N, C-alpha and C. Protein backbone atom coordinates (compact mmCIF):
# COMPACT_ATOMS: atom_id res chain seq x y z
N UNK A 1 93.59 101.81 46.34
CA UNK A 1 94.57 101.56 46.92
C UNK A 1 95.61 102.15 48.50
N UNK A 2 95.28 103.73 47.45
CA UNK A 2 96.35 104.92 48.12
C UNK A 2 95.93 104.37 49.97
N UNK A 3 94.72 103.98 50.19
CA UNK A 3 94.41 103.76 51.94
C UNK A 3 94.89 103.33 52.25
N UNK A 4 94.63 102.03 51.67
CA UNK A 4 95.37 101.31 52.43
C UNK A 4 96.97 101.15 52.27
N UNK A 5 97.92 101.19 51.60
CA UNK A 5 99.40 101.75 52.17
C UNK A 5 98.47 103.28 53.50
N UNK A 6 98.41 103.56 53.72
CA UNK A 6 98.26 104.78 54.37
C UNK A 6 98.17 103.87 55.43
N UNK A 7 97.49 103.06 55.94
CA UNK A 7 96.76 102.69 56.92
C UNK A 7 98.18 101.38 57.41
N UNK A 8 98.67 100.65 56.59
CA UNK A 8 99.99 100.19 56.99
C UNK A 8 101.12 100.85 57.66
N UNK A 9 101.07 102.11 56.70
CA UNK A 9 102.79 103.07 57.09
C UNK A 9 101.94 103.93 58.58
N UNK A 10 100.95 103.52 59.37
CA UNK A 10 100.58 104.00 60.44
C UNK A 10 100.91 103.43 60.98
N UNK A 11 100.59 101.78 60.64
CA UNK A 11 100.54 101.47 62.20
C UNK A 11 102.00 100.46 62.26
N UNK A 12 102.73 100.62 61.33
CA UNK A 12 104.17 99.97 61.02
C UNK A 12 104.78 101.28 61.90
N UNK A 13 104.81 103.14 61.22
CA UNK A 13 104.99 104.17 62.12
C UNK A 13 104.86 103.58 64.02
N UNK A 14 103.62 103.45 64.05
CA UNK A 14 103.22 103.10 65.27
C UNK A 14 103.60 101.98 66.34
N UNK A 15 103.73 101.42 65.33
CA UNK A 15 104.99 100.19 66.12
C UNK A 15 106.06 100.33 66.02
N UNK A 16 106.71 101.41 65.59
CA UNK A 16 108.02 101.32 65.81
C UNK A 16 108.01 102.82 66.72
N UNK A 17 107.25 103.65 66.88
CA UNK A 17 107.80 104.66 67.94
C UNK A 17 107.56 103.87 69.64
N UNK A 18 106.05 102.94 69.50
CA UNK A 18 106.80 102.52 70.67
C UNK A 18 107.67 101.38 71.03
N UNK A 19 108.82 100.93 70.01
CA UNK A 19 109.90 100.40 70.37
C UNK A 19 110.52 101.35 70.59
N UNK A 20 110.78 101.94 69.67
CA UNK A 20 112.05 103.36 70.81
C UNK A 20 111.30 103.97 72.12
N UNK A 21 110.47 104.36 72.07
CA UNK A 21 110.12 104.88 73.32
C UNK A 21 110.64 103.76 74.79
N UNK A 22 110.07 102.00 74.31
CA UNK A 22 110.57 101.18 75.09
C UNK A 22 112.09 101.27 75.22
N UNK A 23 112.68 101.36 74.45
CA UNK A 23 114.03 101.40 74.42
C UNK A 23 115.18 102.14 75.31
N UNK A 24 114.38 103.44 75.80
CA UNK A 24 114.87 104.82 76.47
C UNK A 24 113.95 105.10 77.20
N UNK A 25 113.15 103.97 77.49
CA UNK A 25 112.86 104.26 79.31
C UNK A 25 113.61 102.98 80.29
N UNK A 26 114.20 103.68 81.52
CA UNK A 26 114.52 102.31 82.24
C UNK A 26 112.69 101.68 82.61
N UNK A 27 113.38 101.03 83.10
CA UNK A 27 112.61 99.84 83.84
C UNK A 27 111.32 100.47 85.63
N UNK A 28 110.45 100.71 85.70
CA UNK A 28 109.71 101.33 86.24
C UNK A 28 109.68 100.47 87.67
N UNK A 29 110.19 100.23 88.75
CA UNK A 29 110.02 99.40 90.03
C UNK A 29 108.28 99.11 90.07
N UNK A 30 108.01 97.64 90.61
CA UNK A 30 106.70 97.45 90.51
C UNK A 30 106.20 98.51 91.87
N UNK A 31 104.97 99.04 91.84
CA UNK A 31 104.36 99.60 93.14
C UNK A 31 104.24 98.10 93.79
N UNK A 32 104.39 98.79 95.20
CA UNK A 32 104.07 97.79 96.63
C UNK A 32 102.48 98.11 96.66
N UNK A 33 101.52 96.62 96.76
CA UNK A 33 100.59 95.84 96.89
C UNK A 33 99.50 96.26 98.01
N UNK A 34 98.67 97.19 97.69
CA UNK A 34 98.57 97.54 98.97
C UNK A 34 98.33 96.60 100.31
N UNK A 35 97.92 95.42 99.85
CA UNK A 35 97.55 94.27 101.62
C UNK A 35 98.97 94.25 102.47
N UNK A 36 100.24 94.95 101.48
CA UNK A 36 101.93 94.91 102.25
C UNK A 36 101.56 94.54 104.18
N UNK A 37 102.42 93.66 103.74
CA UNK A 37 101.92 93.23 105.34
C UNK A 37 102.66 93.33 106.42
N UNK A 38 102.24 93.83 107.87
CA UNK A 38 102.76 95.53 108.86
C UNK A 38 104.38 94.53 109.22
N UNK A 39 105.16 95.28 109.59
CA UNK A 39 105.84 94.84 110.00
C UNK A 39 106.23 96.13 111.33
N UNK A 40 107.11 95.03 112.77
CA UNK A 40 107.39 95.70 113.80
C UNK A 40 108.22 96.66 113.58
N UNK A 41 107.96 97.61 115.17
CA UNK A 41 109.21 98.85 114.81
C UNK A 41 110.63 97.75 115.50
N UNK A 42 112.02 98.07 115.54
CA UNK A 42 112.36 96.91 115.73
C UNK A 42 113.83 98.99 116.62
N UNK A 43 114.32 98.61 116.75
CA UNK A 43 115.22 99.41 117.27
C UNK A 43 115.90 100.11 116.21
N UNK A 44 116.36 99.92 115.10
CA UNK A 44 116.20 100.81 113.65
C UNK A 44 115.58 101.43 112.82
N UNK A 45 113.86 100.59 113.03
CA UNK A 45 113.32 101.02 112.11
C UNK A 45 112.26 101.57 112.76
N UNK A 46 111.00 102.16 112.19
CA UNK A 46 110.03 101.88 113.10
C UNK A 46 109.33 101.18 112.15
N UNK A 47 108.13 101.08 112.83
CA UNK A 47 106.93 100.07 112.44
C UNK A 47 106.12 100.60 111.20
N UNK A 48 105.59 99.59 109.99
CA UNK A 48 105.67 100.00 108.94
C UNK A 48 103.80 99.54 108.11
N UNK A 49 102.99 99.75 107.51
CA UNK A 49 101.95 98.91 107.00
C UNK A 49 101.21 98.58 108.83
N UNK A 50 100.90 98.92 109.48
CA UNK A 50 100.25 98.88 110.60
C UNK A 50 99.01 99.63 110.51
N UNK A 51 97.72 98.51 110.84
CA UNK A 51 96.58 98.51 110.21
C UNK A 51 96.06 99.21 111.06
N UNK A 52 94.88 99.87 111.49
CA UNK A 52 93.88 100.72 112.29
C UNK A 52 93.51 99.51 112.75
N UNK A 53 92.73 100.05 114.37
CA UNK A 53 92.15 98.19 114.71
C UNK A 53 90.96 98.52 113.99
N UNK A 54 89.70 97.57 114.12
CA UNK A 54 88.69 97.85 113.19
C UNK A 54 87.81 98.05 114.58
N UNK A 55 86.96 98.50 114.08
CA UNK A 55 85.97 98.93 115.30
C UNK A 55 83.91 97.45 115.27
N UNK A 56 84.07 96.93 116.54
CA UNK A 56 82.83 96.28 116.54
C UNK A 56 81.44 96.96 116.86
N UNK A 57 80.63 96.10 116.29
CA UNK A 57 79.00 96.68 116.59
C UNK A 57 79.08 97.01 118.96
N UNK A 58 79.08 96.76 118.95
CA UNK A 58 79.37 96.31 120.30
C UNK A 58 80.12 97.46 120.60
N UNK A 59 80.51 98.18 120.75
CA UNK A 59 81.27 99.44 120.79
C UNK A 59 80.69 100.33 120.80
N UNK A 60 79.56 100.45 120.05
CA UNK A 60 78.17 101.91 119.45
C UNK A 60 77.29 101.37 121.06
N UNK A 61 77.40 100.15 121.55
CA UNK A 61 76.27 99.69 122.25
C UNK A 61 75.71 100.76 123.90
N UNK A 62 74.63 101.13 123.98
CA UNK A 62 74.95 102.20 125.48
C UNK A 62 74.75 101.43 126.12
N UNK A 63 75.71 100.84 126.64
CA UNK A 63 75.53 99.61 128.13
C UNK A 63 76.72 99.14 128.97
N UNK A 64 76.43 98.69 129.16
CA UNK A 64 78.00 98.04 130.66
C UNK A 64 78.96 97.67 129.39
N UNK A 65 78.42 96.74 128.27
CA UNK A 65 79.13 96.12 127.88
C UNK A 65 79.22 96.52 127.00
N UNK A 66 78.86 97.73 125.79
CA UNK A 66 79.27 98.51 125.04
C UNK A 66 80.67 99.24 126.33
N UNK A 67 80.42 100.19 126.62
CA UNK A 67 81.52 101.00 127.68
C UNK A 67 82.31 99.90 127.85
N UNK A 68 82.19 98.12 128.43
CA UNK A 68 83.62 97.83 127.87
C UNK A 68 84.50 97.17 127.00
N UNK A 69 83.89 96.83 125.88
CA UNK A 69 84.03 96.89 124.64
C UNK A 69 84.77 98.26 124.40
N UNK A 70 83.78 99.19 124.18
CA UNK A 70 85.04 100.87 123.81
C UNK A 70 86.34 100.64 124.17
N UNK A 71 86.37 100.38 125.69
CA UNK A 71 88.11 100.52 126.65
C UNK A 71 88.63 99.79 125.75
N UNK A 72 88.90 98.28 125.52
CA UNK A 72 89.31 97.93 124.95
C UNK A 72 89.00 98.16 123.62
N UNK A 73 89.01 98.61 123.17
CA UNK A 73 88.51 98.80 121.73
C UNK A 73 89.71 100.38 121.75
N UNK A 74 89.88 100.84 122.78
CA UNK A 74 90.70 102.46 122.91
C UNK A 74 91.77 102.12 123.25
N UNK A 75 92.61 101.02 124.09
CA UNK A 75 93.62 100.34 124.32
C UNK A 75 93.74 99.92 122.83
N UNK A 76 93.35 99.02 122.21
CA UNK A 76 93.43 98.52 120.54
C UNK A 76 93.82 100.15 119.96
N UNK A 77 93.59 100.93 119.42
CA UNK A 77 93.76 102.10 119.43
C UNK A 77 95.64 102.82 119.99
N UNK A 78 95.28 102.88 121.07
CA UNK A 78 96.29 103.40 121.73
C UNK A 78 97.82 102.72 121.32
N UNK A 79 97.33 100.70 121.46
CA UNK A 79 98.41 100.58 120.73
C UNK A 79 98.86 100.18 119.24
N UNK A 80 98.05 100.94 118.33
CA UNK A 80 97.89 102.03 117.23
C UNK A 80 99.18 103.09 117.33
N UNK A 81 98.36 103.60 117.77
CA UNK A 81 99.02 105.54 118.13
C UNK A 81 100.37 105.03 118.47
N UNK A 82 100.25 104.34 119.32
CA UNK A 82 102.50 104.21 119.92
C UNK A 82 103.60 103.67 118.10
N UNK A 83 102.52 102.37 117.39
CA UNK A 83 103.17 102.26 116.55
C UNK A 83 103.15 102.92 115.58
N UNK A 84 102.62 103.76 115.47
CA UNK A 84 102.34 104.79 114.22
C UNK A 84 102.48 106.47 113.99
N UNK A 85 102.18 106.47 114.80
CA UNK A 85 102.25 108.22 115.65
C UNK A 85 100.66 108.53 115.83
N UNK A 86 99.60 107.98 115.15
CA UNK A 86 98.44 108.58 114.33
C UNK A 86 97.54 108.76 115.83
N UNK A 87 98.43 109.99 116.88
CA UNK A 87 97.44 109.94 118.04
C UNK A 87 95.38 110.63 117.37
N UNK A 88 95.65 110.97 116.26
CA UNK A 88 94.05 111.43 116.01
C UNK A 88 92.93 110.88 116.20
N UNK A 89 93.40 109.68 116.00
CA UNK A 89 92.24 108.19 116.14
C UNK A 89 91.90 108.54 117.67
N UNK A 90 92.95 108.43 118.31
CA UNK A 90 92.49 108.81 120.01
C UNK A 90 91.94 109.97 120.50
N UNK A 91 92.67 111.13 120.07
CA UNK A 91 91.74 112.85 120.16
C UNK A 91 90.00 112.38 119.99
N UNK A 92 90.68 111.60 119.33
CA UNK A 92 88.74 111.86 118.90
C UNK A 92 87.79 110.80 119.50
N UNK A 93 87.91 110.32 120.33
CA UNK A 93 87.39 109.56 121.26
C UNK A 93 87.37 110.25 122.66
N UNK A 94 88.51 111.23 122.63
CA UNK A 94 87.98 112.08 125.09
C UNK A 94 87.62 112.73 124.32
N UNK A 95 86.47 113.45 125.73
CA UNK A 95 86.10 114.25 126.19
C UNK A 95 86.91 114.58 126.99
N UNK A 96 87.49 116.01 127.94
CA UNK A 96 88.16 116.46 128.59
C UNK A 96 89.14 114.87 128.59
N UNK A 97 89.76 114.21 129.94
CA UNK A 97 90.84 113.93 129.44
C UNK A 97 91.79 114.12 129.50
N UNK A 98 92.45 115.08 129.98
CA UNK A 98 93.80 116.07 129.71
C UNK A 98 95.10 115.39 130.61
N UNK A 99 94.66 113.85 131.50
CA UNK A 99 96.22 112.81 131.58
C UNK A 99 96.76 112.66 130.19
N UNK A 100 94.62 111.70 129.61
CA UNK A 100 95.91 110.96 128.12
C UNK A 100 95.46 111.96 126.46
N UNK A 101 94.66 113.09 126.64
CA UNK A 101 95.29 114.15 125.93
C UNK A 101 96.91 114.38 125.86
N UNK A 102 97.53 114.56 127.40
CA UNK A 102 98.53 114.89 127.12
C UNK A 102 100.06 113.46 127.01
N UNK A 103 99.17 112.15 127.22
CA UNK A 103 100.09 111.72 126.42
C UNK A 103 99.95 110.87 124.99
N UNK A 104 98.64 111.52 124.45
CA UNK A 104 98.53 111.30 122.82
C UNK A 104 99.73 112.37 122.30
N UNK A 105 99.42 113.34 122.73
CA UNK A 105 100.66 114.58 122.44
C UNK A 105 102.33 114.21 122.66
N UNK A 106 102.39 113.76 123.60
CA UNK A 106 104.25 113.21 123.71
C UNK A 106 104.52 111.94 122.69
N UNK A 107 102.98 111.09 122.34
CA UNK A 107 103.59 110.04 121.36
C UNK A 107 103.41 110.62 119.70
N UNK A 108 102.56 111.94 119.65
CA UNK A 108 103.04 112.21 118.43
C UNK A 108 104.19 113.47 118.33
N UNK A 109 104.25 113.65 119.27
CA UNK A 109 106.06 115.30 118.85
C UNK A 109 106.94 113.74 119.12
N UNK A 110 107.09 112.21 119.63
CA UNK A 110 108.61 111.64 119.20
C UNK A 110 108.38 111.46 117.68
N UNK A 111 106.90 111.01 117.04
CA UNK A 111 106.92 111.09 115.83
C UNK A 111 107.20 112.06 114.78
N UNK A 112 106.24 113.28 115.16
CA UNK A 112 106.56 114.48 114.90
C UNK A 112 107.64 114.80 114.44
N UNK A 113 108.95 114.86 115.46
CA UNK A 113 110.05 115.06 115.30
C UNK A 113 111.33 114.04 114.82
N UNK A 114 110.68 112.90 114.12
CA UNK A 114 111.45 112.27 112.81
C UNK A 114 111.60 111.33 113.60
N UNK A 115 110.74 110.45 114.88
CA UNK A 115 111.42 109.74 115.62
C UNK A 115 110.45 108.74 115.76
N UNK A 116 110.26 107.53 116.50
CA UNK A 116 109.19 106.43 116.47
C UNK A 116 110.19 105.56 117.96
N UNK A 117 108.15 104.66 117.67
CA UNK A 117 108.48 104.09 119.43
C UNK A 117 108.86 102.72 118.93
N UNK A 118 108.72 102.17 120.17
CA UNK A 118 109.75 100.99 120.20
C UNK A 118 108.87 99.63 120.91
N UNK A 119 107.89 99.26 120.87
CA UNK A 119 106.92 98.70 122.50
C UNK A 119 106.19 99.73 122.71
N UNK A 120 105.42 99.28 124.62
CA UNK A 120 104.54 100.18 125.32
C UNK A 120 103.31 99.99 124.60
N UNK A 121 103.00 98.81 124.24
CA UNK A 121 101.61 98.43 123.87
C UNK A 121 100.90 97.32 125.09
N UNK A 122 99.82 98.17 125.57
CA UNK A 122 98.86 97.79 126.72
C UNK A 122 98.36 96.57 126.33
N UNK A 123 98.07 95.92 127.28
CA UNK A 123 97.74 94.43 127.33
C UNK A 123 96.68 94.59 128.65
N UNK A 124 95.18 94.67 127.80
CA UNK A 124 94.64 95.06 129.36
C UNK A 124 94.23 93.69 129.89
N UNK A 125 93.78 93.12 130.91
CA UNK A 125 93.46 91.90 131.33
C UNK A 125 92.66 91.99 131.53
N UNK A 126 91.74 93.01 131.56
CA UNK A 126 90.06 92.74 132.08
C UNK A 126 89.38 94.43 132.22
N UNK A 127 88.20 94.76 132.15
CA UNK A 127 87.35 96.01 132.08
C UNK A 127 86.62 95.21 133.27
N UNK A 128 86.51 96.44 134.32
CA UNK A 128 85.61 95.96 135.42
C UNK A 128 84.74 96.92 135.69
N UNK A 129 83.58 96.72 135.54
CA UNK A 129 83.30 97.62 135.93
C UNK A 129 81.82 98.60 136.78
N UNK A 130 82.34 99.75 137.66
CA UNK A 130 82.45 99.54 138.92
C UNK A 130 81.15 100.68 139.23
N UNK A 131 80.57 101.14 137.95
CA UNK A 131 79.47 102.38 138.43
C UNK A 131 77.70 101.00 137.82
N UNK A 132 77.04 101.61 138.32
CA UNK A 132 75.31 100.97 138.36
C UNK A 132 74.88 101.18 137.22
N UNK A 133 74.34 99.47 136.81
CA UNK A 133 74.05 99.34 134.96
C UNK A 133 73.11 101.35 135.25
N UNK A 134 73.41 101.72 133.72
CA UNK A 134 71.54 102.84 133.91
C UNK A 134 71.97 104.27 134.39
N UNK A 135 73.27 103.97 134.78
CA UNK A 135 73.31 105.61 135.65
C UNK A 135 74.29 106.27 135.43
N UNK A 136 74.06 107.10 134.52
CA UNK A 136 74.94 108.15 133.41
C UNK A 136 75.79 107.91 133.46
N UNK A 137 77.29 108.17 133.71
CA UNK A 137 78.54 107.88 132.79
C UNK A 137 79.02 106.41 133.72
N UNK A 138 79.81 106.21 132.83
CA UNK A 138 80.28 104.63 133.87
C UNK A 138 81.66 104.74 133.88
N UNK A 139 82.00 104.32 135.56
CA UNK A 139 83.76 103.94 135.73
C UNK A 139 83.49 102.39 135.98
N UNK A 140 85.23 102.17 135.40
CA UNK A 140 85.79 101.51 135.10
C UNK A 140 87.45 101.56 135.56
N UNK A 141 87.86 100.10 135.91
CA UNK A 141 89.28 99.93 136.63
C UNK A 141 89.73 98.40 135.57
N UNK A 142 90.71 99.18 134.74
CA UNK A 142 91.58 98.82 134.40
C UNK A 142 92.52 98.31 134.30
N UNK A 143 92.39 96.19 135.26
CA UNK A 143 94.43 95.91 134.97
C UNK A 143 95.41 95.93 133.88
N UNK A 144 96.13 96.40 133.29
CA UNK A 144 96.75 96.51 132.62
C UNK A 144 98.56 96.30 131.82
N UNK A 145 98.58 95.99 131.78
CA UNK A 145 100.53 95.39 131.57
C UNK A 145 100.64 95.81 130.13
N UNK A 146 101.86 97.47 130.61
CA UNK A 146 102.40 98.24 129.39
C UNK A 146 103.35 97.24 129.32
N UNK A 147 103.93 96.84 128.07
CA UNK A 147 104.91 96.92 127.00
C UNK A 147 105.82 97.17 127.76
N UNK A 148 107.34 96.56 127.36
CA UNK A 148 108.22 97.70 127.65
C UNK A 148 108.35 98.33 126.47
N UNK A 149 108.84 99.80 126.85
CA UNK A 149 108.68 101.13 125.87
C UNK A 149 110.17 101.33 125.54
N UNK A 150 110.45 101.92 124.26
CA UNK A 150 111.51 102.94 124.34
C UNK A 150 111.47 103.45 122.99
N UNK A 151 111.33 105.07 123.18
CA UNK A 151 111.40 106.39 121.96
C UNK A 151 112.90 106.34 121.61
N UNK A 152 112.84 106.70 120.19
CA UNK A 152 114.18 106.94 119.41
C UNK A 152 114.22 108.36 118.74
N UNK A 153 115.14 108.53 118.79
CA UNK A 153 115.22 109.35 118.01
C UNK A 153 115.14 109.40 116.36
N UNK A 154 115.08 111.04 115.69
CA UNK A 154 115.43 110.48 114.40
C UNK A 154 117.04 110.31 114.44
N UNK A 155 118.02 110.24 115.08
CA UNK A 155 118.90 108.97 114.08
C UNK A 155 118.77 107.45 115.63
N UNK A 156 118.56 107.50 115.72
CA UNK A 156 118.03 106.10 116.62
C UNK A 156 118.84 106.57 117.88
N UNK A 157 118.47 107.19 118.49
CA UNK A 157 119.38 107.80 119.77
C UNK A 157 118.42 107.64 120.49
N UNK A 158 118.29 106.85 121.85
CA UNK A 158 117.65 106.49 122.75
C UNK A 158 116.90 107.91 123.50
N UNK A 159 115.95 108.28 123.43
CA UNK A 159 114.74 109.28 124.08
C UNK A 159 114.63 109.22 125.42
N UNK A 160 114.14 107.60 125.27
CA UNK A 160 113.32 107.72 126.74
C UNK A 160 112.96 105.45 126.33
N UNK A 161 113.04 105.61 127.90
CA UNK A 161 113.18 103.83 128.51
C UNK A 161 112.39 103.25 128.92
N UNK A 162 111.62 102.94 129.24
CA UNK A 162 110.86 102.17 130.03
C UNK A 162 110.65 100.84 130.41
N UNK A 163 111.58 99.97 131.15
CA UNK A 163 111.42 97.92 130.97
C UNK A 163 110.32 98.03 131.70
N UNK A 164 109.92 96.49 130.98
CA UNK A 164 108.83 95.75 131.11
C UNK A 164 108.16 95.48 132.98
N UNK A 165 107.43 95.82 133.71
CA UNK A 165 106.76 95.68 134.61
C UNK A 165 105.64 94.33 134.81
N UNK A 166 106.17 93.39 135.49
CA UNK A 166 105.67 92.31 135.05
C UNK A 166 104.53 92.23 136.58
N UNK A 167 104.36 93.76 137.07
CA UNK A 167 102.89 93.75 137.93
C UNK A 167 102.25 94.52 137.59
N UNK A 168 102.59 95.28 136.20
CA UNK A 168 101.40 95.51 135.96
C UNK A 168 100.88 97.13 136.04
N UNK A 169 99.78 97.93 135.67
CA UNK A 169 99.64 98.44 136.93
C UNK A 169 97.68 98.83 136.78
N UNK A 170 97.02 99.68 137.28
CA UNK A 170 96.26 100.27 137.00
C UNK A 170 95.12 101.27 136.80
N UNK A 171 94.46 101.22 135.25
CA UNK A 171 94.23 103.19 134.89
C UNK A 171 92.15 102.91 136.20
N UNK A 172 92.28 104.08 135.93
CA UNK A 172 90.79 104.11 136.50
C UNK A 172 90.08 104.76 135.11
N UNK A 173 89.25 105.06 134.83
CA UNK A 173 88.47 105.43 133.16
C UNK A 173 87.08 105.82 133.31
N UNK A 174 86.43 106.76 133.43
CA UNK A 174 85.29 107.19 133.21
C UNK A 174 85.13 107.63 131.56
N UNK A 175 83.52 107.03 131.40
CA UNK A 175 83.30 106.85 129.67
C UNK A 175 81.74 107.67 129.98
N UNK A 176 81.77 108.60 128.83
CA UNK A 176 80.44 108.87 128.64
C UNK A 176 79.50 108.43 127.75
N UNK A 177 78.35 108.06 127.08
CA UNK A 177 77.40 107.90 125.98
C UNK A 177 76.63 109.56 125.12
N UNK A 178 77.35 109.45 124.53
CA UNK A 178 76.23 110.91 123.78
C UNK A 178 76.45 110.52 121.99
N UNK A 179 75.65 110.68 121.46
CA UNK A 179 74.77 111.27 120.14
C UNK A 179 75.70 109.93 119.20
N UNK A 180 75.34 108.21 119.69
CA UNK A 180 74.98 107.08 119.30
C UNK A 180 77.11 106.88 119.74
N UNK A 181 77.65 107.45 120.15
CA UNK A 181 78.90 106.77 120.85
C UNK A 181 79.88 107.03 121.74
N UNK A 182 80.81 106.24 122.55
CA UNK A 182 81.39 106.73 123.93
C UNK A 182 82.72 107.33 124.01
N UNK A 183 82.43 108.29 124.76
CA UNK A 183 83.16 109.24 125.16
C UNK A 183 84.37 109.59 126.15
N UNK A 184 85.96 109.13 126.02
CA UNK A 184 86.51 109.36 127.84
C UNK A 184 86.61 110.41 128.12
N UNK A 185 85.77 110.33 129.58
CA UNK A 185 85.72 111.28 130.43
C UNK A 185 87.71 112.09 131.52
N UNK A 186 87.82 110.67 131.41
CA UNK A 186 89.14 110.85 132.74
C UNK A 186 89.26 109.17 132.33
N UNK A 187 90.75 109.25 132.26
CA UNK A 187 91.82 108.11 131.82
C UNK A 187 93.05 107.80 132.32
N UNK A 188 93.33 107.66 133.19
CA UNK A 188 93.89 108.13 134.62
C UNK A 188 94.66 106.83 135.09
N UNK A 189 96.79 106.42 135.55
CA UNK A 189 96.50 105.64 135.64
C UNK A 189 96.82 105.75 136.67
N UNK A 190 96.66 104.92 137.66
CA UNK A 190 95.96 104.57 139.40
C UNK A 190 96.89 103.74 140.13
N UNK A 191 98.03 103.40 139.65
CA UNK A 191 98.35 101.67 140.24
C UNK A 191 98.18 101.42 141.96
N UNK A 192 97.93 101.99 142.73
CA UNK A 192 97.47 102.16 144.16
C UNK A 192 96.17 101.32 144.41
N UNK A 193 95.63 101.20 143.61
CA UNK A 193 94.01 101.35 143.70
C UNK A 193 93.35 99.27 143.36
N UNK A 194 92.98 99.58 144.25
CA UNK A 194 92.65 97.93 143.82
C UNK A 194 91.38 97.52 143.50
N UNK A 195 91.40 96.30 143.05
CA UNK A 195 90.39 95.61 142.83
C UNK A 195 89.23 95.35 143.21
N UNK A 196 88.11 95.34 141.96
CA UNK A 196 86.85 94.29 143.16
C UNK A 196 87.19 92.80 142.78
N UNK A 197 86.58 91.97 144.42
CA UNK A 197 86.62 91.36 144.06
C UNK A 197 85.87 90.05 143.11
C-alpha cells in the first residue's frame, strides 16, 4: 500500500512540475523550416535562402559537351555568388584565371563589409567551343547578357550601379580537365570579339 501511495504522489508531483514550468516559460517561436522559399534581393535587403546550383553528370565529362556544361554551370555559380556573397564556389573552380579571381574578390568584399548585391546575374546565351576536340585545353566564346547590377553598402547606400545593356558582352574562356574535373584557366570579358558563324 505504501508503495502505491508513493507512486501516485510521485506522478502528481511530476505533473505539477510540468504545469509550473509551462506557466513560467515564454512561448518559443517556431524554427524556420529548412526548405524556406528563396527570396530575391531588393534595394532594402539582400537575397535569402538562395540554394547553390546543383551539378549534373555532364559537367564532369571530359569532352567538348562536358566543357560546355561546365561553363554554363560556372555562370550559374556566379549568379549564386552575386546573390549570397559565397565566392568559395567560384574560387574552387579556378586554376589561375586572375581576372575572374579579382571579380570574385570584389563580390566577396561587398558582403564582408555588410552590403549586398541586387541583380547582375549573367544570362549565358551560348557556349561556342573554338578549339578542336581532343586538343588539350578547351577554348570557348560566350555571349552573355549581364543583368542590371547594383551594389549596396551596409546602410543601403548605392556603392556601384551598372545599367542593363541589351547588346550584352562576350567572354573568352579557357578550361582544362584534370583529376576528373574542369578548371577555368582564363575567363575575361572581350566585348569586341567576333563570334563564329
